Amino acid sequence: MNTLLARTVVFAAAVTALTRPVAAQDEVRKLFESGKYQEVVERTSGESAPEARYLKALAHRKLNQNDQAKEAFRQLAEAGDAWKAVGESGVALVDGNVDDAVNAARTAVERNAEQAEAQFQLGQRSMRRVRMLRPRKRSPRRRNARHNWRTRTITPA
């Protein structure tokens, strides 16, 4: 009877220890998705899960804190090869190096194709590359329109 009770206590402690980091990571994700970027930065430490540290780096970007974002992206290198490539992609994008960002994101996907953050980095960087290459177009209607500043109307030319 005592061994059964001891096993149950050990099992409960193990489950609690394993679910606490996941719950903290989910909490950080919810804060990020609700736009509370400063809280994400404050609640995420260097010992947090790599996913939470990645969100911290993205939160720094949203807050226009580029130096802190680059530092947070660099800290991802401690979490493994795929995370290192994700971090390199983030640093390259902060620096404005879109080609290097895409290449690093591709490397991250090659190393771990199931990692959502690597896929996100690749998608974000590819979209930015497309936006940079595509010329901005004005619709023919707006291009040929004449604006009457007094009546604040637009009439076709």
Protein backbone atom coordinates (compact mmCIF):
# COMPACT_ATOMS: atom_id res chain seq x y z
CA MET A 1 0.00 0.00 0.00
CA ASN A 2 2.81 2.42 0.86
CA THR A 3 4.62 1.71 -2.40
CA LEU A 4 1.45 2.42 -4.36
CA LEU A 5 1.03 5.72 -2.54
CA ALA A 6 4.70 6.60 -3.10
CA ARG A 7 4.44 5.79 -6.80
CA THR A 8 1.32 7.92 -7.12
CA VAL A 9 3.02 10.87 -5.42
CA VAL A 10 6.10 10.52 -7.64
CA PHE A 11 3.91 10.27 -10.74
CA ALA A 12 1.88 13.34 -9.75
CA ALA A 13 5.06 15.32 -9.09
CA ALA A 14 6.49 14.30 -12.47
CA VAL A 15 3.32 15.27 -14.32
CA THR A 16 3.24 18.63 -12.54
CA ALA A 17 6.89 19.30 -13.34
CA LEU A 18 6.39 18.43 -17.00
CA THR A 19 3.22 20.45 -17.54
CA ARG A 20 4.41 23.63 -15.81
CA PRO A 21 6.80 24.69 -18.64
CA VAL A 22 4.14 23.91 -21.25
CA ALA A 23 1.58 25.98 -19.35
CA ALA A 24 4.05 28.87 -19.04
CA GLN A 25 4.82 28.64 -22.76
CA ASP A 26 1.11 28.67 -23.62
CA GLU A 27 0.65 31.69 -21.37
CA VAL A 28 3.42 33.56 -23.20
CA ARG A 29 1.88 32.63 -26.56
CA LYS A 30 -1.53 33.93 -25.45
CA LEU A 31 0.03 37.19 -24.28
CA PHE A 32 1.83 37.58 -27.61
CA GLU A 33 -1.29 36.84 -29.63
CA SER A 34 -3.27 39.38 -27.60
CA GLY A 35 -0.70 42.10 -28.35
CA LYS A 36 0.81 42.35 -24.85
CA TYR A 37 4.38 42.36 -26.12
CA GLN A 38 5.94 44.08 -23.11
CA GLU A 39 4.51 41.39 -20.81
CA VAL A 40 5.96 38.70 -23.08
CA VAL A 41 9.39 40.33 -22.74
CA GLU A 42 9.07 40.60 -18.96
CA ARG A 43 7.82 37.04 -18.37
CA THR A 44 10.32 35.24 -20.58
CA SER A 45 13.73 34.47 -19.13
CA GLY A 46 16.87 32.94 -20.58
CA GLU A 47 15.93 29.58 -19.05
CA SER A 48 12.52 29.50 -20.77
CA ALA A 49 11.67 27.06 -23.53
CA PRO A 50 13.04 27.97 -26.97
CA GLU A 51 9.53 28.60 -28.24
CA ALA A 52 8.97 31.22 -25.53
CA ARG A 53 12.36 32.82 -26.22
CA TYR A 54 11.45 33.01 -29.91
CA LEU A 55 8.24 34.82 -29.00
CA LYS A 56 10.30 37.16 -26.83
CA ALA A 57 12.46 38.03 -29.84
CA LEU A 58 9.36 38.66 -31.96
CA ALA A 59 7.92 40.82 -29.18
CA HIS A 60 11.08 42.91 -29.15
CA ARG A 61 10.64 43.38 -32.91
CA LYS A 62 7.03 44.48 -32.43
CA LEU A 63 8.23 47.00 -29.81
CA ASN A 64 10.91 48.31 -32.23
CA GLN A 65 13.68 47.16 -29.88
CA ASN A 66 15.95 45.78 -32.57
CA ASP A 67 19.11 45.35 -30.49
CA GLN A 68 17.25 43.35 -27.86
CA ALA A 69 15.54 41.34 -30.60
CA LYS A 70 18.88 40.42 -32.15
CA GLU A 71 20.21 39.36 -28.74
CA ALA A 72 17.11 37.22 -28.11
CA PHE A 73 17.47 35.61 -31.55
CA ARG A 74 21.15 34.88 -30.85
CA GLN A 75 20.23 33.13 -27.59
CA LEU A 76 18.24 30.57 -29.56
CA ALA A 77 21.53 29.01 -30.71
CA GLU A 78 21.80 27.25 -27.33
CA ALA A 79 18.66 25.22 -28.08
CA GLY A 80 20.03 23.20 -31.02
CA ASP A 81 20.89 23.36 -34.70
CA ALA A 82 17.41 24.15 -36.02
CA TRP A 83 16.91 26.86 -33.41
CA LYS A 84 20.32 28.29 -34.23
CA ALA A 85 19.26 28.67 -37.87
CA VAL A 86 15.95 30.24 -36.81
CA GLY A 87 17.89 32.74 -34.71
CA GLU A 88 20.28 33.50 -37.56
CA SER A 89 17.29 34.14 -39.81
CA GLY A 90 15.83 36.55 -37.29
CA VAL A 91 19.11 38.44 -36.85
CA ALA A 92 19.54 38.71 -40.62
CA LEU A 93 16.05 40.12 -41.03
CA VAL A 94 16.55 42.69 -38.27
CA ASP A 95 19.72 43.75 -40.09
CA GLY A 96 17.76 44.03 -43.36
CA ASN A 97 19.50 41.07 -45.02
CA VAL A 98 16.49 39.38 -46.61
CA ASP A 99 18.50 36.90 -48.70
CA ASP A 100 20.50 35.69 -45.69
CA ALA A 101 17.28 35.49 -43.66
CA VAL A 102 15.63 33.27 -46.28
CA ASN A 103 18.70 31.03 -46.57
CA ALA A 104 18.93 30.60 -42.79
CA ALA A 105 15.20 29.86 -42.57
CA ARG A 106 15.58 27.22 -45.30
CA THR A 107 18.42 25.68 -43.31
CA ALA A 108 16.21 25.60 -40.21
CA VAL A 109 13.45 23.84 -42.15
CA GLU A 110 15.95 21.33 -43.55
CA ARG A 111 17.18 20.55 -40.04
CA ASN A 112 13.69 20.17 -38.56
CA ALA A 113 10.80 20.35 -41.00
CA GLU A 114 8.22 19.87 -38.24
CA GLN A 115 9.31 22.93 -36.28
CA ALA A 116 6.56 25.52 -36.64
CA GLU A 117 8.85 28.45 -35.89
CA ALA A 118 11.22 27.47 -38.71
CA GLN A 119 8.32 27.25 -41.14
CA PHE A 120 7.03 30.63 -39.92
CA GLN A 121 10.44 32.24 -40.39
CA LEU A 122 10.67 30.88 -43.93
CA GLY A 123 7.18 32.11 -44.80
CA GLN A 124 7.72 35.55 -43.31
CA ARG A 125 11.04 36.04 -44.99
CA SER A 126 9.84 34.81 -48.36
CA MET A 127 6.88 37.17 -48.22
CA ARG A 128 9.15 40.09 -47.39
CA ARG A 129 11.38 39.21 -50.34
CA VAL A 130 8.39 39.15 -52.68
CA ARG A 131 7.15 42.51 -51.35
CA MET A 132 10.58 44.05 -51.89
CA LEU A 133 10.84 42.79 -55.47
CA ARG A 134 7.30 43.66 -56.54
CA PRO A 135 6.81 47.24 -57.79
CA ARG A 136 3.96 49.12 -56.22
CA LYS A 137 1.08 49.64 -58.60
CA ARG A 138 -1.68 52.16 -58.53
CA SER A 139 -4.99 51.25 -59.96
CA PRO A 140 -5.75 52.86 -63.33
CA ARG A 141 -8.77 54.52 -61.81
CA ARG A 142 -6.73 56.27 -59.11
CA ARG A 143 -3.87 57.05 -61.45
CA ASN A 144 -6.12 58.90 -63.89
CA ALA A 145 -8.36 60.50 -61.28
CA ARG A 146 -8.43 64.20 -60.52
CA HIS A 147 -8.90 65.26 -56.95
CA ASN A 148 -10.98 68.31 -56.19
CA TRP A 149 -9.59 69.62 -52.92
CA ARG A 150 -12.46 72.01 -52.28
CA THR A 151 -15.28 69.53 -52.55
CA ARG A 152 -13.11 66.57 -51.53
CA THR A 153 -14.31 64.44 -54.38
CA ILE A 154 -12.49 62.38 -56.93
CA THR A 155 -13.67 62.46 -60.51
CA PRO A 156 -12.42 60.26 -63.33
CA ALA A 157 -10.21 62.03 -65.86
